[in-house]
Protein backbone atom coordinates (compact mmCIF):
# COMPACT_ATOMS: atom_id res chain seq x y z
CA UNK A 1 0.00 0.00 0.00
CA UNK A 2 1.40 3.38 -1.00
CA UNK A 3 1.11 6.29 1.44
CA UNK A 4 0.34 9.55 -0.38
CA UNK A 5 1.96 12.63 1.20
CA UNK A 6 1.49 16.39 0.78
CA UNK A 7 4.43 18.49 2.04
CA UNK A 8 3.67 22.02 3.29
CA UNK A 9 6.89 23.96 4.05
CA UNK A 10 7.77 27.57 3.25
CA UNK A 11 11.56 27.15 3.05
CA UNK A 12 12.30 25.81 -0.47
CA UNK A 13 15.62 24.12 0.30
CA UNK A 14 14.27 22.35 3.39
CA UNK A 15 11.09 21.36 1.48
CA UNK A 16 13.17 19.83 -1.33
CA UNK A 17 15.28 17.91 1.21
CA UNK A 18 12.21 16.50 2.95
CA UNK A 19 10.69 15.52 -0.38
CA UNK A 20 13.93 13.84 -1.44
CA UNK A 21 14.05 11.87 1.81
CA UNK A 22 10.39 10.85 1.68
CA UNK A 23 10.64 9.89 -1.98
CA UNK A 24 13.43 7.44 -1.15
CA UNK A 25 11.07 5.36 1.01
CA UNK A 26 9.55 2.56 -1.12
CA UNK A 27 5.91 2.88 -0.01
CA UNK A 28 5.79 6.71 0.15
CA UNK A 29 4.62 8.91 -2.71
CA UNK A 30 4.88 12.70 -2.45
CA UNK A 31 1.79 13.85 -4.34
CA UNK A 32 2.24 17.57 -3.82
CA UNK A 33 4.23 20.38 -2.28
CA UNK A 34 3.14 23.83 -1.16
CA UNK A 35 4.68 26.86 0.56
CA UNK A 36 1.72 28.39 2.42
CA UNK A 37 -1.11 27.31 4.66
CA UNK A 38 -3.67 28.54 2.15
CA UNK A 39 -2.11 26.38 -0.56
CA UNK A 40 -2.04 23.41 1.83
CA UNK A 41 -5.78 23.68 2.43
CA UNK A 42 -6.52 23.91 -1.31
CA UNK A 43 -4.18 21.10 -2.35
CA UNK A 44 -5.27 18.78 0.47
CA UNK A 45 -8.88 19.12 -0.68
CA UNK A 46 -7.86 18.51 -4.28
CA UNK A 47 -5.35 15.68 -3.78
CA UNK A 48 -6.85 13.89 -0.74
CA UNK A 49 -3.44 12.74 0.59
CA UNK A 50 -3.11 10.16 3.35
CA UNK A 51 -0.67 12.41 5.25
CA UNK A 52 -0.02 16.16 5.28
CA UNK A 53 3.43 17.03 6.61
CA UNK A 54 2.73 20.57 7.80
CA UNK A 55 5.17 23.31 8.83
CA UNK A 56 3.69 25.14 11.82
CA UNK A 57 5.08 28.61 11.04
CA UNK A 58 4.42 29.81 7.51
CA UNK A 59 3.59 33.25 6.16
CA UNK A 60 -0.12 34.03 6.03
CA UNK A 61 -2.10 31.11 7.38
CA UNK A 62 0.11 29.10 9.71
CA UNK A 63 0.23 25.34 9.91
CA UNK A 64 -2.02 25.01 12.94
CA UNK A 65 -4.81 27.03 11.35
CA UNK A 66 -4.33 25.25 8.03
CA UNK A 67 -4.54 21.86 9.75
CA UNK A 68 -7.81 22.91 11.36
CA UNK A 69 -9.16 23.89 7.93
CA UNK A 70 -8.01 20.63 6.30
CA UNK A 71 -9.74 18.51 8.93
CA UNK A 72 -12.91 20.55 9.41
C-alpha atoms as a PDB file:
ATOM      1  CA  UNK A   1       0.000   0.000   0.000  1.00  0.00           C
ATOM      2  CA  UNK A   2       1.399   3.381  -0.995  1.00  0.00           C
ATOM      3  CA  UNK A   3       1.106   6.286   1.444  1.00  0.00           C
ATOM      4  CA  UNK A   4       0.342   9.551  -0.381  1.00  0.00           C
ATOM      5  CA  UNK A   5       1.961  12.632   1.203  1.00  0.00           C
ATOM      6  CA  UNK A   6       1.490  16.387   0.781  1.00  0.00           C
ATOM      7  CA  UNK A   7       4.434  18.492   2.035  1.00  0.00           C
ATOM      8  CA  UNK A   8       3.674  22.024   3.293  1.00  0.00           C
ATOM      9  CA  UNK A   9       6.887  23.963   4.045  1.00  0.00           C
ATOM     10  CA  UNK A  10       7.766  27.575   3.246  1.00  0.00           C
ATOM     11  CA  UNK A  11      11.562  27.152   3.047  1.00  0.00           C
ATOM     12  CA  UNK A  12      12.299  25.806  -0.473  1.00  0.00           C
ATOM     13  CA  UNK A  13      15.625  24.118   0.301  1.00  0.00           C
ATOM     14  CA  UNK A  14      14.265  22.349   3.386  1.00  0.00           C
ATOM     15  CA  UNK A  15      11.095  21.356   1.481  1.00  0.00           C
ATOM     16  CA  UNK A  16      13.172  19.831  -1.330  1.00  0.00           C
ATOM     17  CA  UNK A  17      15.278  17.913   1.208  1.00  0.00           C
ATOM     18  CA  UNK A  18      12.210  16.499   2.952  1.00  0.00           C
ATOM     19  CA  UNK A  19      10.693  15.524  -0.380  1.00  0.00           C
ATOM     20  CA  UNK A  20      13.928  13.836  -1.439  1.00  0.00           C
ATOM     21  CA  UNK A  21      14.055  11.866   1.810  1.00  0.00           C
ATOM     22  CA  UNK A  22      10.388  10.849   1.684  1.00  0.00           C
ATOM     23  CA  UNK A  23      10.641   9.888  -1.983  1.00  0.00           C
ATOM     24  CA  UNK A  24      13.427   7.442  -1.152  1.00  0.00           C
ATOM     25  CA  UNK A  25      11.066   5.361   1.009  1.00  0.00           C
ATOM     26  CA  UNK A  26       9.550   2.562  -1.117  1.00  0.00           C
ATOM     27  CA  UNK A  27       5.914   2.881  -0.007  1.00  0.00           C
ATOM     28  CA  UNK A  28       5.793   6.707   0.153  1.00  0.00           C
ATOM     29  CA  UNK A  29       4.625   8.913  -2.714  1.00  0.00           C
ATOM     30  CA  UNK A  30       4.881  12.701  -2.446  1.00  0.00           C
ATOM     31  CA  UNK A  31       1.785  13.849  -4.338  1.00  0.00           C
ATOM     32  CA  UNK A  32       2.237  17.574  -3.819  1.00  0.00           C
ATOM     33  CA  UNK A  33       4.228  20.382  -2.283  1.00  0.00           C
ATOM     34  CA  UNK A  34       3.143  23.834  -1.156  1.00  0.00           C
ATOM     35  CA  UNK A  35       4.680  26.858   0.560  1.00  0.00           C
ATOM     36  CA  UNK A  36       1.717  28.391   2.416  1.00  0.00           C
ATOM     37  CA  UNK A  37      -1.105  27.306   4.663  1.00  0.00           C
ATOM     38  CA  UNK A  38      -3.672  28.544   2.152  1.00  0.00           C
ATOM     39  CA  UNK A  39      -2.114  26.383  -0.562  1.00  0.00           C
ATOM     40  CA  UNK A  40      -2.044  23.413   1.830  1.00  0.00           C
ATOM     41  CA  UNK A  41      -5.781  23.676   2.431  1.00  0.00           C
ATOM     42  CA  UNK A  42      -6.523  23.909  -1.309  1.00  0.00           C
ATOM     43  CA  UNK A  43      -4.183  21.096  -2.352  1.00  0.00           C
ATOM     44  CA  UNK A  44      -5.275  18.778   0.468  1.00  0.00           C
ATOM     45  CA  UNK A  45      -8.881  19.120  -0.679  1.00  0.00           C
ATOM     46  CA  UNK A  46      -7.856  18.511  -4.281  1.00  0.00           C
ATOM     47  CA  UNK A  47      -5.350  15.682  -3.785  1.00  0.00           C
ATOM     48  CA  UNK A  48      -6.846  13.892  -0.738  1.00  0.00           C
ATOM     49  CA  UNK A  49      -3.436  12.740   0.588  1.00  0.00           C
ATOM     50  CA  UNK A  50      -3.111  10.164   3.352  1.00  0.00           C
ATOM     51  CA  UNK A  51      -0.666  12.407   5.248  1.00  0.00           C
ATOM     52  CA  UNK A  52      -0.023  16.155   5.284  1.00  0.00           C
ATOM     53  CA  UNK A  53       3.429  17.032   6.605  1.00  0.00           C
ATOM     54  CA  UNK A  54       2.728  20.572   7.801  1.00  0.00           C
ATOM     55  CA  UNK A  55       5.167  23.307   8.835  1.00  0.00           C
ATOM     56  CA  UNK A  56       3.686  25.142  11.820  1.00  0.00           C
ATOM     57  CA  UNK A  57       5.081  28.609  11.044  1.00  0.00           C
ATOM     58  CA  UNK A  58       4.419  29.806   7.510  1.00  0.00           C
ATOM     59  CA  UNK A  59       3.591  33.246   6.162  1.00  0.00           C
ATOM     60  CA  UNK A  60      -0.115  34.033   6.031  1.00  0.00           C
ATOM     61  CA  UNK A  61      -2.103  31.110   7.381  1.00  0.00           C
ATOM     62  CA  UNK A  62       0.114  29.100   9.709  1.00  0.00           C
ATOM     63  CA  UNK A  63       0.232  25.339   9.906  1.00  0.00           C
ATOM     64  CA  UNK A  64      -2.021  25.014  12.939  1.00  0.00           C
ATOM     65  CA  UNK A  65      -4.806  27.028  11.354  1.00  0.00           C
ATOM     66  CA  UNK A  66      -4.326  25.246   8.026  1.00  0.00           C
ATOM     67  CA  UNK A  67      -4.544  21.859   9.746  1.00  0.00           C
ATOM     68  CA  UNK A  68      -7.812  22.906  11.365  1.00  0.00           C
ATOM     69  CA  UNK A  69      -9.159  23.887   7.934  1.00  0.00           C
ATOM     70  CA  UNK A  70      -8.011  20.635   6.297  1.00  0.00           C
ATOM     71  CA  UNK A  71      -9.743  18.508   8.927  1.00  0.00           C
ATOM     72  CA  UNK A  72     -12.915  20.554   9.406  1.00  0.00           C
END
